[in-house]
Amino acid sequence: MLEQAGDFRAESEALHQLVSGLPESAFSVPTAFKGWTIDRVLGHLHMWNWAADLSLTDAGKFQEFMQGVISRREAGGNVGDIELEWRDGIGGQALVSAWREYYQGMADRFAEADPSARVPWAGPSMSVRSSISARLMETWAHGQEVYDMLGVVRQNEDRIKSIAVLGVNTHGWTYMVRDRKPPTPAPHVRLTAPSGAIWTWNDPSEAELIEGPAEDFCQVVTQVRNIADTRLSVTGPNATEWMSIAQCFAGAPEQPPAPGERRTMTRD
């Protein structure tokens, strides 16, 4: 059984628990992330979960789907409109139900798959383990704007380790997507897991070091928080620069939110 598939299911279930009791009106309220609504968040997760599942079960049909998306984008189409059309315009609790029903079966299929098998994606192919880890990351990252909007402080668990691993592994990607060569050495990363365990990556160094809560590191590499709004301690020019532009997700280079822009809203 692939552990990351269970982690993906658990993170999806946590987000489902957060939104399952909301009134229909809540799904159209803008969040602090580019004005996305909860409908937009769930619709985005639902379509790309489906796409990742398709890459696992039928690589040819996945390529056809992606070519269709690319063609629409090149013609000036908006991804949000593509996602809305794909889900036949459903929103609110109907979307919550459709999203949940799909991710449950998808998690089962990934759990039984060969972790090292290669599957296609929008960019380079990736392993099955990396594919479902990316879906965990997306669910966690986009879930944050929902937690923030609702004024709920998320209680993280050690399943975020896969997100931290992805963050560390995309150190080079952060620079490559900006047409730059990553400076060496890569910083030592020493994080405290939600359970209190210590997770470390890269060669030990006190001169180039990032340390602090693992959830804060995950927030920075997914760009849901500015480094200034976290409890991370950053030492060294390489570490400082990386944390100012870190990006563990695919696509064009994105800038982190400004200090204070992404935060848990105060509930009335």
Protein backbone atom coordinates (compact mmCIF):
# COMPACT_ATOMS: atom_id res chain seq x y z
CA MET A 1 0.00 0.00 0.00
CA LEU A 2 1.35 3.42 -0.98
CA GLU A 3 1.54 5.56 2.17
CA GLN A 4 1.19 8.84 0.31
CA ALA A 5 -2.16 7.74 -1.11
CA GLY A 6 -3.48 7.34 2.43
CA ASP A 7 -2.06 10.75 3.34
CA PHE A 8 -3.78 12.30 0.32
CA ARG A 9 -7.08 10.77 1.39
CA ALA A 10 -6.65 11.97 4.99
CA GLU A 11 -5.84 15.55 3.94
CA SER A 12 -8.79 15.57 1.57
CA GLU A 13 -11.03 14.27 4.34
CA ALA A 14 -9.85 17.03 6.68
CA LEU A 15 -10.76 19.65 4.09
CA HIS A 16 -14.07 17.90 3.45
CA GLN A 17 -14.90 18.06 7.14
CA LEU A 18 -14.23 21.81 7.06
CA VAL A 19 -16.57 22.55 4.12
CA SER A 20 -19.26 19.86 4.39
CA GLY A 21 -21.44 21.86 6.75
CA LEU A 22 -21.13 25.26 5.07
CA PRO A 23 -24.18 27.09 3.70
CA GLU A 24 -24.39 27.46 -0.07
CA SER A 25 -23.66 31.18 0.18
CA ALA A 26 -20.18 30.52 1.63
CA PHE A 27 -18.94 28.87 -1.56
CA SER A 28 -18.95 32.13 -3.57
CA VAL A 29 -17.07 34.31 -1.06
CA PRO A 30 -13.61 35.36 -2.36
CA THR A 31 -10.55 34.12 -0.51
CA ALA A 32 -7.21 35.91 -0.13
CA PHE A 33 -5.72 33.82 -2.95
CA LYS A 34 -6.32 35.72 -6.19
CA GLY A 35 -9.99 36.09 -5.29
CA TRP A 36 -10.64 32.37 -5.66
CA THR A 37 -13.82 31.11 -4.01
CA ILE A 38 -14.31 27.79 -2.25
CA ASP A 39 -16.13 26.63 -5.39
CA ARG A 40 -13.06 27.52 -7.45
CA VAL A 41 -10.75 25.72 -5.00
CA LEU A 42 -12.78 22.51 -4.95
CA GLY A 43 -13.41 22.62 -8.69
CA HIS A 44 -9.68 23.02 -9.29
CA LEU A 45 -8.81 20.13 -6.99
CA HIS A 46 -11.54 17.93 -8.46
CA MET A 47 -10.52 18.34 -12.11
CA TRP A 48 -6.81 17.89 -11.52
CA ASN A 49 -7.41 14.91 -9.23
CA TRP A 50 -9.34 13.40 -12.12
CA ALA A 51 -6.50 14.26 -14.51
CA ALA A 52 -3.88 12.65 -12.25
CA ASP A 53 -6.06 9.56 -11.95
CA LEU A 54 -6.43 9.45 -15.74
CA SER A 55 -2.64 9.63 -16.12
CA LEU A 56 -2.48 6.50 -13.96
CA THR A 57 -5.18 4.53 -15.76
CA ASP A 58 -4.94 5.72 -19.39
CA ALA A 59 -1.89 7.73 -20.42
CA GLY A 60 -3.17 8.21 -23.97
CA LYS A 61 -6.47 9.74 -22.90
CA PHE A 62 -4.61 11.92 -20.41
CA GLN A 63 -2.46 13.31 -23.22
CA GLU A 64 -5.59 14.04 -25.26
CA PHE A 65 -7.13 15.85 -22.28
CA MET A 66 -3.99 17.92 -21.70
CA GLN A 67 -3.74 18.86 -25.37
CA GLY A 68 -7.32 20.10 -25.18
CA VAL A 69 -6.52 22.24 -22.14
CA ILE A 70 -3.37 23.61 -23.80
CA SER A 71 -5.27 24.45 -26.98
CA ARG A 72 -7.94 26.28 -25.01
CA ARG A 73 -5.30 28.22 -23.10
CA GLU A 74 -3.44 29.17 -26.29
CA ALA A 75 -6.72 30.48 -27.67
CA GLY A 76 -7.07 32.75 -24.65
CA GLY A 77 -9.19 30.48 -22.49
CA ASN A 78 -9.20 30.86 -18.71
CA VAL A 79 -8.33 27.79 -16.64
CA GLY A 80 -11.12 28.58 -14.19
CA ASP A 81 -13.65 28.58 -17.03
CA ILE A 82 -12.23 25.29 -18.33
CA GLU A 83 -12.58 23.74 -14.88
CA LEU A 84 -16.15 25.09 -14.50
CA GLU A 85 -17.15 23.67 -17.89
CA TRP A 86 -15.50 20.32 -17.09
CA ARG A 87 -17.64 19.92 -13.96
CA ASP A 88 -20.82 21.02 -15.76
CA GLY A 89 -21.08 24.15 -13.63
CA ILE A 90 -21.88 22.42 -10.35
CA GLY A 91 -20.91 24.15 -7.12
CA GLY A 92 -21.70 24.28 -3.42
CA GLN A 93 -22.51 21.07 -1.63
CA ALA A 94 -23.13 19.24 -4.92
CA LEU A 95 -19.49 19.90 -5.81
CA VAL A 96 -18.36 18.86 -2.34
CA SER A 97 -20.08 15.49 -2.83
CA ALA A 98 -18.69 14.94 -6.33
CA TRP A 99 -15.16 15.88 -5.28
CA ARG A 100 -15.26 13.58 -2.24
CA GLU A 101 -16.72 10.61 -4.08
CA TYR A 102 -13.98 10.86 -6.69
CA TYR A 103 -10.95 11.33 -4.44
CA GLN A 104 -11.93 8.32 -2.33
CA GLY A 105 -11.82 5.94 -5.28
CA MET A 106 -8.74 7.64 -6.68
CA ALA A 107 -6.88 7.17 -3.39
CA ASP A 108 -7.67 3.45 -3.53
CA ARG A 109 -6.31 3.15 -7.07
CA PHE A 110 -3.08 4.96 -6.22
CA ALA A 111 -2.66 2.91 -3.05
CA GLU A 112 -2.47 -0.28 -5.12
CA ALA A 113 -0.25 1.10 -7.91
CA ASP A 114 3.48 0.55 -8.33
CA PRO A 115 5.07 3.59 -6.59
CA SER A 116 7.98 3.68 -9.04
CA ALA A 117 5.92 3.45 -12.24
CA ARG A 118 6.07 6.55 -14.46
CA VAL A 119 2.96 8.57 -15.32
CA PRO A 120 2.69 11.58 -17.66
CA TRP A 121 1.87 15.08 -16.47
CA ALA A 122 1.75 18.64 -17.80
CA GLY A 123 5.55 18.82 -17.66
CA PRO A 124 7.98 15.91 -17.30
CA SER A 125 6.65 12.50 -16.34
CA MET A 126 6.84 11.55 -12.69
CA SER A 127 6.63 8.51 -10.47
CA VAL A 128 3.28 7.36 -9.10
CA ARG A 129 4.55 8.28 -5.62
CA SER A 130 5.42 11.80 -6.76
CA SER A 131 2.09 12.17 -8.57
CA ILE A 132 -0.04 11.44 -5.52
CA SER A 133 2.33 13.48 -3.32
CA ALA A 134 1.71 16.40 -5.66
CA ARG A 135 -2.04 15.95 -5.23
CA LEU A 136 -1.54 15.92 -1.45
CA MET A 137 0.46 19.15 -1.76
CA GLU A 138 -2.19 20.82 -3.91
CA THR A 139 -4.98 19.79 -1.55
CA TRP A 140 -3.05 21.06 1.47
CA ALA A 141 -1.94 24.31 -0.19
CA HIS A 142 -5.29 25.29 -1.70
CA GLY A 143 -7.01 24.12 1.44
CA GLN A 144 -5.08 26.78 3.36
CA GLU A 145 -7.00 29.62 1.73
CA VAL A 146 -10.24 27.99 2.83
CA TYR A 147 -9.01 27.58 6.42
CA ASP A 148 -7.82 31.20 6.35
CA MET A 149 -11.09 32.58 5.03
CA LEU A 150 -13.12 30.65 7.61
CA GLY A 151 -10.85 31.77 10.46
CA VAL A 152 -9.80 28.22 11.33
CA VAL A 153 -6.25 27.35 12.41
CA ARG A 154 -5.42 24.01 10.83
CA GLN A 155 -4.07 21.25 13.06
CA ASN A 156 -1.41 19.59 10.93
CA GLU A 157 -0.18 16.02 11.19
CA ASP A 158 3.01 14.28 10.08
CA ARG A 159 1.51 13.49 6.67
CA ILE A 160 2.83 16.91 5.62
CA LYS A 161 6.30 15.30 5.41
CA SER A 162 5.68 14.49 1.74
CA ILE A 163 5.11 18.21 1.13
CA ALA A 164 8.34 19.08 2.93
CA VAL A 165 10.18 16.46 0.83
CA LEU A 166 8.70 17.99 -2.32
CA GLY A 167 9.81 21.42 -1.13
CA VAL A 168 13.38 20.26 -0.58
CA ASN A 169 13.49 18.34 -3.86
CA THR A 170 12.34 21.37 -5.87
CA HIS A 171 15.15 23.63 -4.66
CA GLY A 172 16.72 23.39 -8.13
CA TRP A 173 13.35 23.79 -9.87
CA THR A 174 12.79 27.14 -8.10
CA TYR A 175 15.85 28.48 -9.91
CA MET A 176 15.43 26.58 -13.18
CA VAL A 177 11.96 28.00 -13.77
CA ARG A 178 13.56 31.45 -13.41
CA ASP A 179 16.36 30.56 -15.87
CA ARG A 180 18.93 30.66 -13.11
CA LYS A 181 21.47 28.23 -11.75
CA PRO A 182 20.87 27.27 -8.09
CA PRO A 183 23.68 28.44 -5.79
CA THR A 184 25.66 25.86 -3.88
CA PRO A 185 25.68 24.47 -1.35
CA ALA A 186 22.00 23.77 -0.92
CA PRO A 187 20.98 24.83 2.60
CA HIS A 188 20.66 22.31 5.38
CA VAL A 189 17.00 21.94 6.31
CA ARG A 190 16.10 20.94 9.87
CA LEU A 191 12.40 20.87 10.67
CA THR A 192 10.26 19.94 13.65
CA ALA A 193 7.32 17.77 12.64
CA PRO A 194 3.85 18.25 14.18
CA SER A 195 4.59 15.13 16.27
CA GLY A 196 7.86 16.63 17.54
CA ALA A 197 10.10 14.44 15.38
CA ILE A 198 13.08 16.10 13.70
CA TRP A 199 13.36 15.87 9.92
CA THR A 200 16.59 16.83 8.18
CA TRP A 201 17.80 17.16 4.58
CA ASN A 202 21.08 18.07 2.86
CA ASP A 203 24.54 18.21 4.41
CA PRO A 204 24.70 19.56 7.96
CA SER A 205 25.60 23.25 8.06
CA GLU A 206 25.23 26.10 10.50
CA ALA A 207 26.24 28.65 7.84
CA GLU A 208 23.40 27.74 5.42
CA LEU A 209 20.47 26.60 7.52
CA ILE A 210 16.68 26.65 7.55
CA GLU A 211 15.06 25.42 10.74
CA GLY A 212 11.72 25.61 12.50
CA PRO A 213 8.24 24.09 12.28
CA ALA A 214 7.71 21.79 9.30
CA GLU A 215 4.29 23.30 8.61
CA ASP A 216 5.86 26.75 8.23
CA PHE A 217 8.40 25.41 5.72
CA CYS A 218 5.54 23.79 3.78
CA GLN A 219 3.68 27.11 3.81
CA VAL A 220 6.67 28.89 2.30
CA VAL A 221 7.45 26.38 -0.47
CA THR A 222 3.77 26.26 -1.49
CA GLN A 223 3.61 30.08 -1.31
CA VAL A 224 0.67 30.26 1.08
CA ARG A 225 2.69 32.43 3.47
CA ASN A 226 5.49 34.94 3.15
CA ILE A 227 8.64 33.86 4.99
CA ALA A 228 8.25 36.95 7.21
CA ASP A 229 4.95 35.56 8.53
CA THR A 230 6.45 32.26 9.70
CA ARG A 231 8.49 31.02 12.64
CA LEU A 232 11.32 29.75 10.45
CA SER A 233 14.90 30.73 11.26
CA VAL A 234 16.96 31.28 8.10
CA THR A 235 20.76 31.61 8.09
CA GLY A 236 23.01 32.30 5.09
CA PRO A 237 22.60 34.02 1.71
CA ASN A 238 21.66 30.84 -0.18
CA ALA A 239 18.98 29.93 2.35
CA THR A 240 17.65 33.48 2.50
CA GLU A 241 17.35 33.78 -1.27
CA TRP A 242 15.70 30.38 -1.67
CA MET A 243 13.07 31.11 0.96
CA SER A 244 12.25 34.41 -0.74
CA ILE A 245 11.30 32.69 -4.02
CA ALA A 246 10.68 29.01 -3.13
CA GLN A 247 8.17 27.29 -5.40
CA CYS A 248 7.43 23.57 -5.22
CA PHE A 249 4.64 23.56 -7.81
CA ALA A 250 4.81 23.39 -11.60
CA GLY A 251 4.14 26.23 -13.99
CA ALA A 252 5.56 29.68 -14.58
CA PRO A 253 7.49 31.41 -11.79
CA GLU A 254 5.23 32.88 -9.14
CA GLN A 255 5.99 35.40 -6.43
CA PRO A 256 5.13 34.63 -2.80
CA PRO A 257 2.41 36.70 -1.17
CA ALA A 258 3.45 39.97 0.42
CA PRO A 259 4.01 39.96 4.20
CA GLY A 260 0.66 39.81 5.98
CA GLU A 261 -1.32 39.18 2.78
CA ARG A 262 -2.14 35.54 3.56
CA ARG A 263 -3.28 34.96 7.13
CA THR A 264 -6.01 33.38 9.22
CA MET A 265 -8.89 35.81 9.28
CA THR A 266 -10.42 36.84 12.59
CA ARG A 267 -13.85 35.33 13.06
CA ASP A 268 -16.71 37.58 14.15
